[in-house]
Amino acid sequence: MFSEITLDHFIGTAGEIARLDLPEACAIRLKSLGLFEGQYVQLARSGNPMIVKAAGGKIAVAGDIAKGIYMRVAHS
């Protein structure tokens, strides 16, 4: 069973992006940087901005944008 939580509230070190709920231009930019649905990401640093590792690089994500990135969380 899965649920979703926004990246700014994500507790953990790694997970999968479930969806992006952001303005189209922002979502397109994030996708070009390697942040898209189904992408596995690692949290390198929390805070604002937070740093995530994805697609072989590190990406700084502002807090307002992190609120629109939903992570898939498994529940037992």
PDB file of N, CA and C in Angstrom:
ATOM      1  N   MET A   1       0.844  -1.177   0.000  1.00  0.00           N
ATOM      2  CA  MET A   1       0.000   0.000   0.000  1.00  0.00           C
ATOM      3  C   MET A   1       0.894   1.246   0.000  1.00  0.00           C
ATOM      4  N   PHE A   2       0.501   2.243  -0.779  1.00  0.00           N
ATOM      5  CA  PHE A   2       1.275   3.467  -0.913  1.00  0.00           C
ATOM      6  C   PHE A   2       0.442   4.691  -0.580  1.00  0.00           C
ATOM      7  N   SER A   3       1.130   5.725  -0.135  1.00  0.00           N
ATOM      8  CA  SER A   3       0.519   7.038   0.026  1.00  0.00           C
ATOM      9  C   SER A   3       1.511   8.055  -0.516  1.00  0.00           C
ATOM     10  N   GLU A   4       1.122   9.308  -0.529  1.00  0.00           N
ATOM     11  CA  GLU A   4       1.982  10.358  -1.051  1.00  0.00           C
ATOM     12  C   GLU A   4       2.216  11.425   0.001  1.00  0.00           C
ATOM     13  N   ILE A   5       3.423  11.998  -0.033  1.00  0.00           N
ATOM     14  CA  ILE A   5       3.773  13.098   0.861  1.00  0.00           C
ATOM     15  C   ILE A   5       4.635  14.067   0.054  1.00  0.00           C
ATOM     16  N   THR A   6       4.487  15.344   0.324  1.00  0.00           N
ATOM     17  CA  THR A   6       5.274  16.314  -0.428  1.00  0.00           C
ATOM     18  C   THR A   6       6.743  16.238  -0.023  1.00  0.00           C
ATOM     19  N   LEU A   7       7.610  16.613  -0.960  1.00  0.00           N
ATOM     20  CA  LEU A   7       9.046  16.525  -0.736  1.00  0.00           C
ATOM     21  C   LEU A   7       9.485  17.345   0.477  1.00  0.00           C
ATOM     22  N   ASP A   8       8.839  18.481   0.721  1.00  0.00           N
ATOM     23  CA  ASP A   8       9.236  19.302   1.868  1.00  0.00           C
ATOM     24  C   ASP A   8       8.915  18.651   3.213  1.00  0.00           C
ATOM     25  N   HIS A   9       8.048  17.635   3.216  1.00  0.00           N
ATOM     26  CA  HIS A   9       7.725  16.893   4.445  1.00  0.00           C
ATOM     27  C   HIS A   9       8.264  15.468   4.426  1.00  0.00           C
ATOM     28  N   PHE A  10       8.982  15.128   3.379  1.00  0.00           N
ATOM     29  CA  PHE A  10       9.502  13.770   3.220  1.00  0.00           C
ATOM     30  C   PHE A  10      10.521  13.459   4.307  1.00  0.00           C
ATOM     31  N   ILE A  11      10.321  12.332   4.974  1.00  0.00           N
ATOM     32  CA  ILE A  11      11.252  11.870   6.001  1.00  0.00           C
ATOM     33  C   ILE A  11      11.877  10.582   5.468  1.00  0.00           C
ATOM     34  N   GLY A  12      13.137  10.640   5.232  1.00  0.00           N
ATOM     35  CA  GLY A  12      13.834   9.481   4.682  1.00  0.00           C
ATOM     36  C   GLY A  12      15.020   9.961   3.882  1.00  0.00           C
ATOM     37  N   THR A  13      15.709   9.015   3.295  1.00  0.00           N
ATOM     38  CA  THR A  13      16.891   9.373   2.525  1.00  0.00           C
ATOM     39  C   THR A  13      16.693   9.199   1.034  1.00  0.00           C
ATOM     40  N   ALA A  14      15.709   8.406   0.623  1.00  0.00           N
ATOM     41  CA  ALA A  14      15.496   8.169  -0.796  1.00  0.00           C
ATOM     42  C   ALA A  14      14.056   7.750  -1.041  1.00  0.00           C
ATOM     43  N   GLY A  15      13.601   8.000  -2.263  1.00  0.00           N
ATOM     44  CA  GLY A  15      12.251   7.608  -2.621  1.00  0.00           C
ATOM     45  C   GLY A  15      11.962   7.884  -4.085  1.00  0.00           C
ATOM     46  N   GLU A  16      10.736   7.623  -4.455  1.00  0.00           N
ATOM     47  CA  GLU A  16      10.301   7.767  -5.840  1.00  0.00           C
ATOM     48  C   GLU A  16       9.305   8.915  -5.959  1.00  0.00           C
ATOM     49  N   ILE A  17       9.471   9.722  -6.980  1.00  0.00           N
ATOM     50  CA  ILE A  17       8.527  10.810  -7.226  1.00  0.00           C
ATOM     51  C   ILE A  17       7.227  10.224  -7.756  1.00  0.00           C
ATOM     52  N   ALA A  18       6.123  10.531  -7.095  1.00  0.00           N
ATOM     53  CA  ALA A  18       4.814  10.039  -7.513  1.00  0.00           C
ATOM     54  C   ALA A  18       4.187  10.961  -8.558  1.00  0.00           C
ATOM     55  N   ARG A  19       4.311  12.282  -8.342  1.00  0.00           N
ATOM     56  CA  ARG A  19       3.724  13.238  -9.284  1.00  0.00           C
ATOM     57  C   ARG A  19       4.233  14.635  -8.982  1.00  0.00           C
ATOM     58  N   LEU A  20       4.072  15.510  -9.971  1.00  0.00           N
ATOM     59  CA  LEU A  20       4.397  16.922  -9.813  1.00  0.00           C
ATOM     60  C   LEU A  20       3.104  17.711  -9.897  1.00  0.00           C
ATOM     61  N   ASP A  21       2.835  18.532  -8.915  1.00  0.00           N
ATOM     62  CA  ASP A  21       1.655  19.390  -8.901  1.00  0.00           C
ATOM     63  C   ASP A  21       2.151  20.831  -8.864  1.00  0.00           C
ATOM     64  N   LEU A  22       2.632  21.285 -10.018  1.00  0.00           N
ATOM     65  CA  LEU A  22       3.274  22.586 -10.147  1.00  0.00           C
ATOM     66  C   LEU A  22       2.828  23.259 -11.434  1.00  0.00           C
ATOM     67  N   PRO A  23       3.034  24.568 -11.555  1.00  0.00           N
ATOM     68  CA  PRO A  23       2.733  25.231 -12.825  1.00  0.00           C
ATOM     69  C   PRO A  23       3.512  24.547 -13.961  1.00  0.00           C
ATOM     70  N   GLU A  24       2.932  24.546 -15.139  1.00  0.00           N
ATOM     71  CA  GLU A  24       3.497  23.809 -16.268  1.00  0.00           C
ATOM     72  C   GLU A  24       4.957  24.168 -16.552  1.00  0.00           C
ATOM     73  N   ALA A  25       5.278  25.446 -16.560  1.00  0.00           N
ATOM     74  CA  ALA A  25       6.650  25.865 -16.860  1.00  0.00           C
ATOM     75  C   ALA A  25       7.637  25.307 -15.832  1.00  0.00           C
ATOM     76  N   CYS A  26       7.252  25.299 -14.572  1.00  0.00           N
ATOM     77  CA  CYS A  26       8.102  24.779 -13.508  1.00  0.00           C
ATOM     78  C   CYS A  26       8.275  23.269 -13.657  1.00  0.00           C
ATOM     79  N   ALA A  27       7.173  22.567 -13.930  1.00  0.00           N
ATOM     80  CA  ALA A  27       7.229  21.114 -14.099  1.00  0.00           C
ATOM     81  C   ALA A  27       8.109  20.737 -15.285  1.00  0.00           C
ATOM     82  N   ILE A  28       8.013  21.486 -16.372  1.00  0.00           N
ATOM     83  CA  ILE A  28       8.851  21.218 -17.551  1.00  0.00           C
ATOM     84  C   ILE A  28      10.317  21.402 -17.206  1.00  0.00           C
ATOM     85  N   ARG A  29      10.634  22.444 -16.472  1.00  0.00           N
ATOM     86  CA  ARG A  29      12.017  22.702 -16.073  1.00  0.00           C
ATOM     87  C   ARG A  29      12.553  21.580 -15.181  1.00  0.00           C
ATOM     88  N   LEU A  30      11.743  21.158 -14.203  1.00  0.00           N
ATOM     89  CA  LEU A  30      12.178  20.080 -13.318  1.00  0.00           C
ATOM     90  C   LEU A  30      12.395  18.788 -14.102  1.00  0.00           C
ATOM     91  N   LYS A  31      11.508  18.502 -15.036  1.00  0.00           N
ATOM     92  CA  LYS A  31      11.654  17.291 -15.852  1.00  0.00           C
ATOM     93  C   LYS A  31      12.944  17.337 -16.652  1.00  0.00           C
ATOM     94  N   SER A  32      13.297  18.507 -17.161  1.00  0.00           N
ATOM     95  CA  SER A  32      14.538  18.627 -17.933  1.00  0.00           C
ATOM     96  C   SER A  32      15.772  18.413 -17.058  1.00  0.00           C
ATOM     97  N   LEU A  33      15.619  18.642 -15.754  1.00  0.00           N
ATOM     98  CA  LEU A  33      16.717  18.443 -14.804  1.00  0.00           C
ATOM     99  C   LEU A  33      16.762  17.015 -14.240  1.00  0.00           C
ATOM    100  N   GLY A  34      15.752  16.214 -14.569  1.00  0.00           N
ATOM    101  CA  GLY A  34      15.726  14.830 -14.102  1.00  0.00           C
ATOM    102  C   GLY A  34      14.754  14.538 -12.981  1.00  0.00           C
ATOM    103  N   LEU A  35      13.889  15.491 -12.654  1.00  0.00           N
ATOM    104  CA  LEU A  35      12.870  15.264 -11.616  1.00  0.00           C
ATOM    105  C   LEU A  35      11.519  15.082 -12.299  1.00  0.00           C
ATOM    106  N   PHE A  36      11.050  13.836 -12.342  1.00  0.00           N
ATOM    107  CA  PHE A  36       9.788  13.526 -13.008  1.00  0.00           C
ATOM    108  C   PHE A  36       9.158  12.301 -12.344  1.00  0.00           C
ATOM    109  N   GLU A  37       7.891  12.045 -12.676  1.00  0.00           N
ATOM    110  CA  GLU A  37       7.175  10.909 -12.099  1.00  0.00           C
ATOM    111  C   GLU A  37       7.942   9.617 -12.348  1.00  0.00           C
ATOM    112  N   GLY A  38       8.073   8.824 -11.296  1.00  0.00           N
ATOM    113  CA  GLY A  38       8.756   7.544 -11.397  1.00  0.00           C
ATOM    114  C   GLY A  38      10.251   7.623 -11.153  1.00  0.00           C
ATOM    115  N   GLN A  39      10.808   8.823 -11.109  1.00  0.00           N
ATOM    116  CA  GLN A  39      12.254   8.993 -10.887  1.00  0.00           C
ATOM    117  C   GLN A  39      12.588   8.726  -9.430  1.00  0.00           C
ATOM    118  N   TYR A  40      13.640   7.945  -9.217  1.00  0.00           N
ATOM    119  CA  TYR A  40      14.148   7.663  -7.879  1.00  0.00           C
ATOM    120  C   TYR A  40      15.100   8.789  -7.501  1.00  0.00           C
ATOM    121  N   VAL A  41      14.907   9.378  -6.330  1.00  0.00           N
ATOM    122  CA  VAL A  41      15.768  10.472  -5.880  1.00  0.00           C
ATOM    123  C   VAL A  41      16.294  10.182  -4.475  1.00  0.00           C
ATOM    124  N   GLN A  42      17.453  10.755  -4.187  1.00  0.00           N
ATOM    125  CA  GLN A  42      18.036  10.683  -2.849  1.00  0.00           C
ATOM    126  C   GLN A  42      18.082  12.086  -2.273  1.00  0.00           C
ATOM    127  N   LEU A  43      17.753  12.212  -1.018  1.00  0.00           N
ATOM    128  CA  LEU A  43      17.814  13.490  -0.337  1.00  0.00           C
ATOM    129  C   LEU A  43      19.225  13.682   0.200  1.00  0.00           C
ATOM    130  N   ALA A  44      19.951  14.636  -0.381  1.00  0.00           N
ATOM    131  CA  ALA A  44      21.328  14.894   0.039  1.00  0.00           C
ATOM    132  C   ALA A  44      21.382  15.898   1.181  1.00  0.00           C
ATOM    133  N   ARG A  45      20.441  16.847   1.196  1.00  0.00           N
ATOM    134  CA  ARG A  45      20.387  17.849   2.265  1.00  0.00           C
ATOM    135  C   ARG A  45      18.963  18.358   2.391  1.00  0.00           C
ATOM    136  N   SER A  46      18.466  18.404   3.614  1.00  0.00           N
ATOM    137  CA  SER A  46      17.149  18.992   3.849  1.00  0.00           C
ATOM    138  C   SER A  46      17.317  20.484   4.076  1.00  0.00           C
ATOM    139  N   GLY A  47      16.228  21.189   4.173  1.00  0.00           N
ATOM    140  CA  GLY A  47      16.280  22.635   4.385  1.00  0.00           C
ATOM    141  C   GLY A  47      15.733  23.380   3.177  1.00  0.00           C
ATOM    142  N   ASN A  48      16.044  24.648   3.100  1.00  0.00           N
ATOM    143  CA  ASN A  48      15.555  25.468   1.993  1.00  0.00           C
ATOM    144  C   ASN A  48      16.714  26.311   1.463  1.00  0.00           C
ATOM    145  N   PRO A  49      17.240  25.960   0.310  1.00  0.00           N
ATOM    146  CA  PRO A  49      16.768  24.885  -0.569  1.00  0.00           C
ATOM    147  C   PRO A  49      17.264  23.523  -0.105  1.00  0.00           C
ATOM    148  N   MET A  50      16.531  22.500  -0.484  1.00  0.00           N
ATOM    149  CA  MET A  50      16.990  21.143  -0.221  1.00  0.00           C
ATOM    150  C   MET A  50      17.764  20.683  -1.450  1.00  0.00           C
ATOM    151  N   ILE A  51      18.654  19.750  -1.250  1.00  0.00           N
ATOM    152  CA  ILE A  51      19.446  19.219  -2.350  1.00  0.00           C
ATOM    153  C   ILE A  51      19.049  17.763  -2.551  1.00  0.00           C
ATOM    154  N   VAL A  52      18.673  17.423  -3.788  1.00  0.00           N
ATOM    155  CA  VAL A  52      18.334  16.043  -4.115  1.00  0.00           C
ATOM    156  C   VAL A  52      19.280  15.543  -5.196  1.00  0.00           C
ATOM    157  N   LYS A  53      19.568  14.254  -5.138  1.00  0.00           N
ATOM    158  CA  LYS A  53      20.376  13.599  -6.157  1.00  0.00           C
ATOM    159  C   LYS A  53      19.428  12.836  -7.067  1.00  0.00           C
ATOM    160  N   ALA A  54      19.547  13.085  -8.365  1.00  0.00           N
ATOM    161  CA  ALA A  54      18.714  12.395  -9.341  1.00  0.00           C
ATOM    162  C   ALA A  54      19.403  12.441 -10.692  1.00  0.00           C
ATOM    163  N   ALA A  55      19.231  11.404 -11.468  1.00  0.00           N
ATOM    164  CA  ALA A  55      19.739  11.358 -12.841  1.00  0.00           C
ATOM    165  C   ALA A  55      21.229  11.686 -12.908  1.00  0.00           C
ATOM    166  N   GLY A  56      21.996  11.256 -11.913  1.00  0.00           N
ATOM    167  CA  GLY A  56      23.424  11.443 -11.928  1.00  0.00           C
ATOM    168  C   GLY A  56      23.918  12.812 -11.503  1.00  0.00           C
ATOM    169  N   GLY A  57      23.024  13.678 -11.019  1.00  0.00           N
ATOM    170  CA  GLY A  57      23.439  15.006 -10.592  1.00  0.00           C
ATOM    171  C   GLY A  57      22.750  15.428  -9.314  1.00  0.00           C
ATOM    172  N   LYS A  58      23.109  16.605  -8.839  1.00  0.00           N
ATOM    173  CA  LYS A  58      22.478  17.184  -7.654  1.00  0.00           C
ATOM    174  C   LYS A  58      21.681  18.398  -8.074  1.00  0.00           C
ATOM    175  N   ILE A  59      20.488  18.540  -7.497  1.00  0.00           N
ATOM    176  CA  ILE A  59      19.580  19.622  -7.865  1.00  0.00           C
ATOM    177  C   ILE A  59      19.102  20.313  -6.601  1.00  0.00           C
ATOM    178  N   ALA A  60      19.213  21.638  -6.567  1.00  0.00           N
ATOM    179  CA  ALA A  60      18.687  22.426  -5.456  1.00  0.00           C
ATOM    180  C   ALA A  60      17.201  22.684  -5.720  1.00  0.00           C
ATOM    181  N   VAL A  61      16.374  22.430  -4.722  1.00  0.00           N
ATOM    182  CA  VAL A  61      14.926  22.602  -4.859  1.00  0.00           C
ATOM    183  C   VAL A  61      14.447  23.557  -3.766  1.00  0.00           C
ATOM    184  N   ALA A  62      13.905  24.695  -4.173  1.00  0.00           N
ATOM    185  CA  ALA A  62      13.369  25.675  -3.228  1.00  0.00           C
ATOM    186  C   ALA A  62      12.170  25.092  -2.483  1.00  0.00           C
ATOM    187  N   GLY A  63      11.955  25.577  -1.269  1.00  0.00           N
ATOM    188  CA  GLY A  63      10.854  25.081  -0.436  1.00  0.00           C
ATOM    189  C   GLY A  63       9.497  25.181  -1.101  1.00  0.00           C
ATOM    190  N   ASP A  64       9.208  26.285  -1.790  1.00  0.00           N
ATOM    191  CA  ASP A  64       7.907  26.439  -2.451  1.00  0.00           C
ATOM    192  C   ASP A  64       7.713  25.405  -3.549  1.00  0.00           C
ATOM    193  N   ILE A  65       8.785  25.052  -4.234  1.00  0.00           N
ATOM    194  CA  ILE A  65       8.687  24.038  -5.287  1.00  0.00           C
ATOM    195  C   ILE A  65       8.566  22.653  -4.679  1.00  0.00           C
ATOM    196  N   ALA A  66       9.290  22.396  -3.591  1.00  0.00           N
ATOM    197  CA  ALA A  66       9.228  21.093  -2.927  1.00  0.00           C
ATOM    198  C   ALA A  66       7.806  20.762  -2.473  1.00  0.00           C
ATOM    199  N   LYS A  67       7.002  21.783  -2.203  1.00  0.00           N
ATOM    200  CA  LYS A  67       5.606  21.560  -1.791  1.00  0.00           C
ATOM    201  C   LYS A  67       4.758  20.979  -2.909  1.00  0.00           C
ATOM    202  N   GLY A  68       5.224  21.079  -4.150  1.00  0.00           N
ATOM    203  CA  GLY A  68       4.476  20.552  -5.292  1.00  0.00           C
ATOM    204  C   GLY A  68       5.049  19.264  -5.852  1.00  0.00           C
ATOM    205  N   ILE A  69       6.063  18.713  -5.198  1.00  0.00           N
ATOM    206  CA  ILE A  69       6.647  17.436  -5.608  1.00  0.00           C
ATOM    207  C   ILE A  69       6.184  16.376  -4.621  1.00  0.00           C
ATOM    208  N   TYR A  70       5.405  15.416  -5.106  1.00  0.00           N
ATOM    209  CA  TYR A  70       4.847  14.378  -4.239  1.00  0.00           C
ATOM    210  C   TYR A  70       5.660  13.095  -4.346  1.00  0.00           C
ATOM    211  N   MET A  71       6.036  12.581  -3.196  1.00  0.00           N
ATOM    212  CA  MET A  71       6.831  11.356  -3.097  1.00  0.00           C
ATOM    213  C   MET A  71       5.918  10.191  -2.754  1.00  0.00           C
ATOM    214  N   ARG A  72       6.235   9.026  -3.307  1.00  0.00           N
ATOM    215  CA  ARG A  72       5.492   7.794  -3.006  1.00  0.00           C
ATOM    216  C   ARG A  72       6.115   7.176  -1.765  1.00  0.00           C
ATOM    217  N   VAL A  73       5.273   6.853  -0.793  1.00  0.00           N
ATOM    218  CA  VAL A  73       5.717   6.289   0.479  1.00  0.00           C
ATOM    219  C   VAL A  73       5.012   4.958   0.681  1.00  0.00           C
ATOM    220  N   ALA A  74       5.791   3.909   0.939  1.00  0.00           N
ATOM    221  CA  ALA A  74       5.232   2.586   1.173  1.00  0.00           C
ATOM    222  C   ALA A  74       4.830   2.417   2.633  1.00  0.00           C
ATOM    223  N   HIS A  75       3.711   1.742   2.847  1.00  0.00           N
ATOM    224  CA  HIS A  75       3.238   1.426   4.198  1.00  0.00           C
ATOM    225  C   HIS A  75       3.078  -0.082   4.299  1.00  0.00           C
ATOM    226  N   SER A  76       3.401  -0.603   5.453  1.00  0.00           N
ATOM    227  CA  SER A  76       3.252  -2.054   5.639  1.00  0.00           C
ATOM    228  C   SER A  76       1.937  -2.386   6.285  1.00  0.00           C
TER     229      SER A  76
END
